[in-house]
Each structure stands twice: as C-alpha cells, then as structure tokens.
Amino acid sequence: MQEIGKLVVVIGLLLVAIGVILWRFPSLLGWVGKLPGDISVQKGNFSFYFPIVTCVLVSIVLTLLVWLFRL
C-alpha cells in the first residue's frame, strides 16, 4: 500500500510542477484549444466552444504514452 501512496505523491508533484510552468509561461501552449476543427459559435450574447480536435489530439497522445509505459 505504501507504493500507491508514493505514486500518488509523485503524480501530485508532477501536476503541481506542470501547473507552475504553465502559469509562469502561458504562451507555451497557446495553440492548445485553437486548432482547426475546434467548434466555436458566437451569436449575440451567447457563445459555445468545444475543442473537439484538441480533445482527440490529447487522447491520442495519452493513449500512446500509456501504451509505451504499459501503465
């Protein structure tokens, strides 16, 4: 059970580090969410945004990482 606790702490620290990097350098991933194919509708005071292509790209990258590391 201690291994799971250590893994959770390491994952948490990695998420904090990634968050700090993205907070300090917001233009680092400025293209995320603005890819061709992302749906954006604006009419009057209503706006709808769904980054479908970004979601597919993130899904592919995460699938490849999990496949490579066999998690």
PDB file of N, CA and C in Angstrom:
ATOM      1  N   MET A   1       0.809  -1.187   0.000  1.00  0.00           N
ATOM      2  CA  MET A   1       0.000   0.000   0.000  1.00  0.00           C
ATOM      3  C   MET A   1       0.860   1.261   0.000  1.00  0.00           C
ATOM      4  N   GLN A   2       2.075   1.191   0.515  1.00  0.00           N
ATOM      5  CA  GLN A   2       2.948   2.354   0.536  1.00  0.00           C
ATOM      6  C   GLN A   2       3.370   2.770  -0.861  1.00  0.00           C
ATOM      7  N   GLU A   3       3.479   1.803  -1.770  1.00  0.00           N
ATOM      8  CA  GLU A   3       3.864   2.136  -3.140  1.00  0.00           C
ATOM      9  C   GLU A   3       2.815   3.010  -3.804  1.00  0.00           C
ATOM     10  N   ILE A   4       1.550   2.720  -3.543  1.00  0.00           N
ATOM     11  CA  ILE A   4       0.473   3.516  -4.130  1.00  0.00           C
ATOM     12  C   ILE A   4       0.521   4.945  -3.580  1.00  0.00           C
ATOM     13  N   GLY A   5       0.779   5.074  -2.286  1.00  0.00           N
ATOM     14  CA  GLY A   5       0.894   6.411  -1.682  1.00  0.00           C
ATOM     15  C   GLY A   5       2.027   7.207  -2.288  1.00  0.00           C
ATOM     16  N   LYS A   6       3.158   6.555  -2.493  1.00  0.00           N
ATOM     17  CA  LYS A   6       4.302   7.240  -3.103  1.00  0.00           C
ATOM     18  C   LYS A   6       3.978   7.647  -4.539  1.00  0.00           C
ATOM     19  N   LEU A   7       3.290   6.774  -5.263  1.00  0.00           N
ATOM     20  CA  LEU A   7       2.918   7.076  -6.648  1.00  0.00           C
ATOM     21  C   LEU A   7       1.971   8.271  -6.700  1.00  0.00           C
ATOM     22  N   VAL A   8       1.014   8.313  -5.789  1.00  0.00           N
ATOM     23  CA  VAL A   8       0.063   9.427  -5.764  1.00  0.00           C
ATOM     24  C   VAL A   8       0.790  10.742  -5.454  1.00  0.00           C
ATOM     25  N   VAL A   9       1.747  10.703  -4.520  1.00  0.00           N
ATOM     26  CA  VAL A   9       2.513  11.909  -4.187  1.00  0.00           C
ATOM     27  C   VAL A   9       3.339  12.368  -5.378  1.00  0.00           C
ATOM     28  N   VAL A  10       3.982  11.438  -6.079  1.00  0.00           N
ATOM     29  CA  VAL A  10       4.797  11.792  -7.243  1.00  0.00           C
ATOM     30  C   VAL A  10       3.924  12.384  -8.346  1.00  0.00           C
ATOM     31  N   ILE A  11       2.778  11.769  -8.595  1.00  0.00           N
ATOM     32  CA  ILE A  11       1.873  12.296  -9.625  1.00  0.00           C
ATOM     33  C   ILE A  11       1.388  13.693  -9.235  1.00  0.00           C
ATOM     34  N   GLY A  12       1.081  13.899  -7.963  1.00  0.00           N
ATOM     35  CA  GLY A  12       0.664  15.214  -7.498  1.00  0.00           C
ATOM     36  C   GLY A  12       1.739  16.258  -7.677  1.00  0.00           C
ATOM     37  N   LEU A  13       2.978  15.903  -7.343  1.00  0.00           N
ATOM     38  CA  LEU A  13       4.090  16.843  -7.526  1.00  0.00           C
ATOM     39  C   LEU A  13       4.314  17.167  -8.998  1.00  0.00           C
ATOM     40  N   LEU A  14       4.170  16.172  -9.861  1.00  0.00           N
ATOM     41  CA  LEU A  14       4.299  16.424 -11.303  1.00  0.00           C
ATOM     42  C   LEU A  14       3.209  17.365 -11.796  1.00  0.00           C
ATOM     43  N   LEU A  15       1.979  17.167 -11.330  1.00  0.00           N
ATOM     44  CA  LEU A  15       0.891  18.053 -11.734  1.00  0.00           C
ATOM     45  C   LEU A  15       1.121  19.481 -11.240  1.00  0.00           C
ATOM     46  N   VAL A  16       1.626  19.621 -10.021  1.00  0.00           N
ATOM     47  CA  VAL A  16       1.930  20.960  -9.499  1.00  0.00           C
ATOM     48  C   VAL A  16       3.029  21.604 -10.333  1.00  0.00           C
ATOM     49  N   ALA A  17       4.074  20.844 -10.665  1.00  0.00           N
ATOM     50  CA  ALA A  17       5.175  21.394 -11.465  1.00  0.00           C
ATOM     51  C   ALA A  17       4.677  21.827 -12.845  1.00  0.00           C
ATOM     52  N   ILE A  18       3.855  21.009 -13.471  1.00  0.00           N
ATOM     53  CA  ILE A  18       3.307  21.363 -14.780  1.00  0.00           C
ATOM     54  C   ILE A  18       2.429  22.612 -14.662  1.00  0.00           C
ATOM     55  N   GLY A  19       1.626  22.676 -13.602  1.00  0.00           N
ATOM     56  CA  GLY A  19       0.783  23.848 -13.381  1.00  0.00           C
ATOM     57  C   GLY A  19       1.581  25.119 -13.210  1.00  0.00           C
ATOM     58  N   VAL A  20       2.669  25.045 -12.458  1.00  0.00           N
ATOM     59  CA  VAL A  20       3.520  26.228 -12.249  1.00  0.00           C
ATOM     60  C   VAL A  20       4.170  26.657 -13.557  1.00  0.00           C
ATOM     61  N   ILE A  21       4.639  25.705 -14.337  1.00  0.00           N
ATOM     62  CA  ILE A  21       5.266  26.026 -15.630  1.00  0.00           C
ATOM     63  C   ILE A  21       4.255  26.707 -16.551  1.00  0.00           C
ATOM     64  N   LEU A  22       3.038  26.156 -16.623  1.00  0.00           N
ATOM     65  CA  LEU A  22       2.022  26.758 -17.488  1.00  0.00           C
ATOM     66  C   LEU A  22       1.550  28.102 -16.949  1.00  0.00           C
ATOM     67  N   TRP A  23       1.563  28.287 -15.648  1.00  0.00           N
ATOM     68  CA  TRP A  23       1.172  29.559 -15.052  1.00  0.00           C
ATOM     69  C   TRP A  23       2.210  30.641 -15.331  1.00  0.00           C
ATOM     70  N   ARG A  24       3.477  30.276 -15.244  1.00  0.00           N
ATOM     71  CA  ARG A  24       4.555  31.240 -15.464  1.00  0.00           C
ATOM     72  C   ARG A  24       4.769  31.540 -16.951  1.00  0.00           C
ATOM     73  N   PHE A  25       4.506  30.576 -17.801  1.00  0.00           N
ATOM     74  CA  PHE A  25       4.709  30.731 -19.247  1.00  0.00           C
ATOM     75  C   PHE A  25       3.418  30.371 -19.984  1.00  0.00           C
ATOM     76  N   PRO A  26       2.396  31.228 -19.933  1.00  0.00           N
ATOM     77  CA  PRO A  26       1.096  30.883 -20.527  1.00  0.00           C
ATOM     78  C   PRO A  26       1.127  30.746 -22.044  1.00  0.00           C
ATOM     79  N   SER A  27       2.081  31.369 -22.705  1.00  0.00           N
ATOM     80  CA  SER A  27       2.128  31.274 -24.172  1.00  0.00           C
ATOM     81  C   SER A  27       2.790  29.982 -24.640  1.00  0.00           C
ATOM     82  N   LEU A  28       3.292  29.185 -23.701  1.00  0.00           N
ATOM     83  CA  LEU A  28       3.965  27.936 -24.049  1.00  0.00           C
ATOM     84  C   LEU A  28       3.036  26.993 -24.812  1.00  0.00           C
ATOM     85  N   LEU A  29       1.799  26.914 -24.370  1.00  0.00           N
ATOM     86  CA  LEU A  29       0.815  26.060 -25.040  1.00  0.00           C
ATOM     87  C   LEU A  29      -0.366  26.895 -25.540  1.00  0.00           C
ATOM     88  N   GLY A  30      -0.086  28.048 -26.107  1.00  0.00           N
ATOM     89  CA  GLY A  30      -1.131  28.935 -26.583  1.00  0.00           C
ATOM     90  C   GLY A  30      -1.946  28.379 -27.739  1.00  0.00           C
ATOM     91  N   TRP A  31      -1.408  27.428 -28.460  1.00  0.00           N
ATOM     92  CA  TRP A  31      -2.106  26.843 -29.607  1.00  0.00           C
ATOM     93  C   TRP A  31      -3.154  25.816 -29.178  1.00  0.00           C
ATOM     94  N   VAL A  32      -3.054  25.328 -27.945  1.00  0.00           N
ATOM     95  CA  VAL A  32      -4.000  24.308 -27.484  1.00  0.00           C
ATOM     96  C   VAL A  32      -5.383  24.932 -27.382  1.00  0.00           C
ATOM     97  N   GLY A  33      -6.344  24.298 -28.003  1.00  0.00           N
ATOM     98  CA  GLY A  33      -7.705  24.801 -27.995  1.00  0.00           C
ATOM     99  C   GLY A  33      -8.022  25.711 -29.158  1.00  0.00           C
ATOM    100  N   LYS A  34      -7.052  25.962 -30.012  1.00  0.00           N
ATOM    101  CA  LYS A  34      -7.272  26.835 -31.164  1.00  0.00           C
ATOM    102  C   LYS A  34      -6.896  26.141 -32.461  1.00  0.00           C
ATOM    103  N   LEU A  35      -7.044  24.835 -32.481  1.00  0.00           N
ATOM    104  CA  LEU A  35      -6.688  24.070 -33.669  1.00  0.00           C
ATOM    105  C   LEU A  35      -7.818  24.128 -34.696  1.00  0.00           C
ATOM    106  N   PRO A  36      -7.478  23.932 -35.972  1.00  0.00           N
ATOM    107  CA  PRO A  36      -8.530  23.863 -36.982  1.00  0.00           C
ATOM    108  C   PRO A  36      -9.446  22.669 -36.686  1.00  0.00           C
ATOM    109  N   GLY A  37     -10.732  22.887 -36.716  1.00  0.00           N
ATOM    110  CA  GLY A  37     -11.685  21.831 -36.423  1.00  0.00           C
ATOM    111  C   GLY A  37     -12.330  21.993 -35.053  1.00  0.00           C
ATOM    112  N   ASP A  38     -11.767  22.823 -34.193  1.00  0.00           N
ATOM    113  CA  ASP A  38     -12.405  23.118 -32.914  1.00  0.00           C
ATOM    114  C   ASP A  38     -13.651  23.953 -33.180  1.00  0.00           C
ATOM    115  N   ILE A  39     -14.739  23.618 -32.524  1.00  0.00           N
ATOM    116  CA  ILE A  39     -16.027  24.258 -32.790  1.00  0.00           C
ATOM    117  C   ILE A  39     -16.178  25.502 -31.920  1.00  0.00           C
ATOM    118  N   SER A  40     -16.483  26.619 -32.560  1.00  0.00           N
ATOM    119  CA  SER A  40     -16.710  27.876 -31.853  1.00  0.00           C
ATOM    120  C   SER A  40     -17.885  28.597 -32.500  1.00  0.00           C
ATOM    121  N   VAL A  41     -18.941  28.852 -31.712  1.00  0.00           N
ATOM    122  CA  VAL A  41     -20.133  29.540 -32.208  1.00  0.00           C
ATOM    123  C   VAL A  41     -20.396  30.734 -31.303  1.00  0.00           C
ATOM    124  N   GLN A  42     -20.548  31.918 -31.911  1.00  0.00           N
ATOM    125  CA  GLN A  42     -20.857  33.124 -31.157  1.00  0.00           C
ATOM    126  C   GLN A  42     -22.019  33.842 -31.839  1.00  0.00           C
ATOM    127  N   LYS A  43     -23.119  34.012 -31.093  1.00  0.00           N
ATOM    128  CA  LYS A  43     -24.288  34.723 -31.609  1.00  0.00           C
ATOM    129  C   LYS A  43     -24.821  35.618 -30.502  1.00  0.00           C
ATOM    130  N   GLY A  44     -24.743  36.881 -30.714  1.00  0.00           N
ATOM    131  CA  GLY A  44     -25.237  37.831 -29.717  1.00  0.00           C
ATOM    132  C   GLY A  44     -24.474  37.709 -28.411  1.00  0.00           C
ATOM    133  N   ASN A  45     -25.226  37.473 -27.331  1.00  0.00           N
ATOM    134  CA  ASN A  45     -24.581  37.320 -26.035  1.00  0.00           C
ATOM    135  C   ASN A  45     -24.356  35.849 -25.669  1.00  0.00           C
ATOM    136  N   PHE A  46     -24.453  34.958 -26.638  1.00  0.00           N
ATOM    137  CA  PHE A  46     -24.262  33.520 -26.422  1.00  0.00           C
ATOM    138  C   PHE A  46     -23.006  33.063 -27.149  1.00  0.00           C
ATOM    139  N   SER A  47     -22.193  32.292 -26.463  1.00  0.00           N
ATOM    140  CA  SER A  47     -21.032  31.700 -27.125  1.00  0.00           C
ATOM    141  C   SER A  47     -20.889  30.249 -26.681  1.00  0.00           C
ATOM    142  N   PHE A  48     -20.529  29.406 -27.627  1.00  0.00           N
ATOM    143  CA  PHE A  48     -20.330  27.981 -27.381  1.00  0.00           C
ATOM    144  C   PHE A  48     -18.992  27.594 -27.979  1.00  0.00           C
ATOM    145  N   TYR A  49     -18.186  26.879 -27.198  1.00  0.00           N
ATOM    146  CA  TYR A  49     -16.872  26.471 -27.661  1.00  0.00           C
ATOM    147  C   TYR A  49     -16.629  25.031 -27.258  1.00  0.00           C
ATOM    148  N   PHE A  50     -16.278  24.194 -28.218  1.00  0.00           N
ATOM    149  CA  PHE A  50     -15.946  22.807 -27.934  1.00  0.00           C
ATOM    150  C   PHE A  50     -14.696  22.433 -28.722  1.00  0.00           C
ATOM    151  N   PRO A  51     -13.577  22.219 -28.035  1.00  0.00           N
ATOM    152  CA  PRO A  51     -12.314  21.924 -28.723  1.00  0.00           C
ATOM    153  C   PRO A  51     -12.195  20.437 -29.091  1.00  0.00           C
ATOM    154  N   ILE A  52     -12.975  19.990 -30.049  1.00  0.00           N
ATOM    155  CA  ILE A  52     -13.033  18.569 -30.404  1.00  0.00           C
ATOM    156  C   ILE A  52     -11.695  18.051 -30.926  1.00  0.00           C
ATOM    157  N   VAL A  53     -11.030  18.786 -31.775  1.00  0.00           N
ATOM    158  CA  VAL A  53      -9.754  18.333 -32.333  1.00  0.00           C
ATOM    159  C   VAL A  53      -8.678  18.304 -31.241  1.00  0.00           C
ATOM    160  N   THR A  54      -8.704  19.275 -30.351  1.00  0.00           N
ATOM    161  CA  THR A  54      -7.762  19.287 -29.239  1.00  0.00           C
ATOM    162  C   THR A  54      -7.996  18.068 -28.347  1.00  0.00           C
ATOM    163  N   CYS A  55      -9.253  17.727 -28.087  1.00  0.00           N
ATOM    164  CA  CYS A  55      -9.567  16.553 -27.271  1.00  0.00           C
ATOM    165  C   CYS A  55      -9.071  15.274 -27.933  1.00  0.00           C
ATOM    166  N   VAL A  56      -9.257  15.164 -29.238  1.00  0.00           N
ATOM    167  CA  VAL A  56      -8.790  13.975 -29.956  1.00  0.00           C
ATOM    168  C   VAL A  56      -7.267  13.889 -29.901  1.00  0.00           C
ATOM    169  N   LEU A  57      -6.598  15.011 -30.088  1.00  0.00           N
ATOM    170  CA  LEU A  57      -5.132  15.030 -30.042  1.00  0.00           C
ATOM    171  C   LEU A  57      -4.608  14.634 -28.653  1.00  0.00           C
ATOM    172  N   VAL A  58      -5.210  15.172 -27.602  1.00  0.00           N
ATOM    173  CA  VAL A  58      -4.806  14.808 -26.241  1.00  0.00           C
ATOM    174  C   VAL A  58      -5.061  13.330 -25.985  1.00  0.00           C
ATOM    175  N   SER A  59      -6.179  12.814 -26.468  1.00  0.00           N
ATOM    176  CA  SER A  59      -6.496  11.403 -26.307  1.00  0.00           C
ATOM    177  C   SER A  59      -5.469  10.514 -26.996  1.00  0.00           C
ATOM    178  N   ILE A  60      -5.060  10.885 -28.195  1.00  0.00           N
ATOM    179  CA  ILE A  60      -4.058  10.101 -28.923  1.00  0.00           C
ATOM    180  C   ILE A  60      -2.721  10.121 -28.188  1.00  0.00           C
ATOM    181  N   VAL A  61      -2.312  11.287 -27.722  1.00  0.00           N
ATOM    182  CA  VAL A  61      -1.029  11.397 -27.012  1.00  0.00           C
ATOM    183  C   VAL A  61      -1.053  10.575 -25.723  1.00  0.00           C
ATOM    184  N   LEU A  62      -2.128  10.680 -24.956  1.00  0.00           N
ATOM    185  CA  LEU A  62      -2.222   9.909 -23.717  1.00  0.00           C
ATOM    186  C   LEU A  62      -2.280   8.409 -23.991  1.00  0.00           C
ATOM    187  N   THR A  63      -2.979   8.007 -25.040  1.00  0.00           N
ATOM    188  CA  THR A  63      -3.024   6.588 -25.411  1.00  0.00           C
ATOM    189  C   THR A  63      -1.644   6.078 -25.765  1.00  0.00           C
ATOM    190  N   LEU A  64      -0.881   6.849 -26.528  1.00  0.00           N
ATOM    191  CA  LEU A  64       0.476   6.439 -26.877  1.00  0.00           C
ATOM    192  C   LEU A  64       1.380   6.356 -25.652  1.00  0.00           C
ATOM    193  N   LEU A  65       1.264   7.314 -24.741  1.00  0.00           N
ATOM    194  CA  LEU A  65       2.065   7.277 -23.515  1.00  0.00           C
ATOM    195  C   LEU A  65       1.739   6.071 -22.656  1.00  0.00           C
ATOM    196  N   VAL A  66       0.454   5.786 -22.489  1.00  0.00           N
ATOM    197  CA  VAL A  66       0.060   4.620 -21.697  1.00  0.00           C
ATOM    198  C   VAL A  66       0.531   3.345 -22.386  1.00  0.00           C
ATOM    199  N   TRP A  67       0.419   3.294 -23.689  1.00  0.00           N
ATOM    200  CA  TRP A  67       0.866   2.113 -24.428  1.00  0.00           C
ATOM    201  C   TRP A  67       2.384   1.933 -24.306  1.00  0.00           C
ATOM    202  N   LEU A  68       3.121   3.022 -24.382  1.00  0.00           N
ATOM    203  CA  LEU A  68       4.574   2.932 -24.275  1.00  0.00           C
ATOM    204  C   LEU A  68       5.036   2.499 -22.892  1.00  0.00           C
ATOM    205  N   PHE A  69       4.408   3.023 -21.859  1.00  0.00           N
ATOM    206  CA  PHE A  69       4.834   2.722 -20.498  1.00  0.00           C
ATOM    207  C   PHE A  69       4.046   1.570 -19.874  1.00  0.00           C
ATOM    208  N   ARG A  70       3.050   1.066 -20.587  1.00  0.00           N
ATOM    209  CA  ARG A  70       2.250  -0.068 -20.131  1.00  0.00           C
ATOM    210  C   ARG A  70       1.717   0.128 -18.710  1.00  0.00           C
ATOM    211  N   LEU A  71       1.055   1.263 -18.491  1.00  0.00           N
ATOM    212  CA  LEU A  71       0.527   1.559 -17.153  1.00  0.00           C
ATOM    213  C   LEU A  71      -0.706   0.773 -16.896  1.00  0.00           C
TER     214      LEU A  71
END
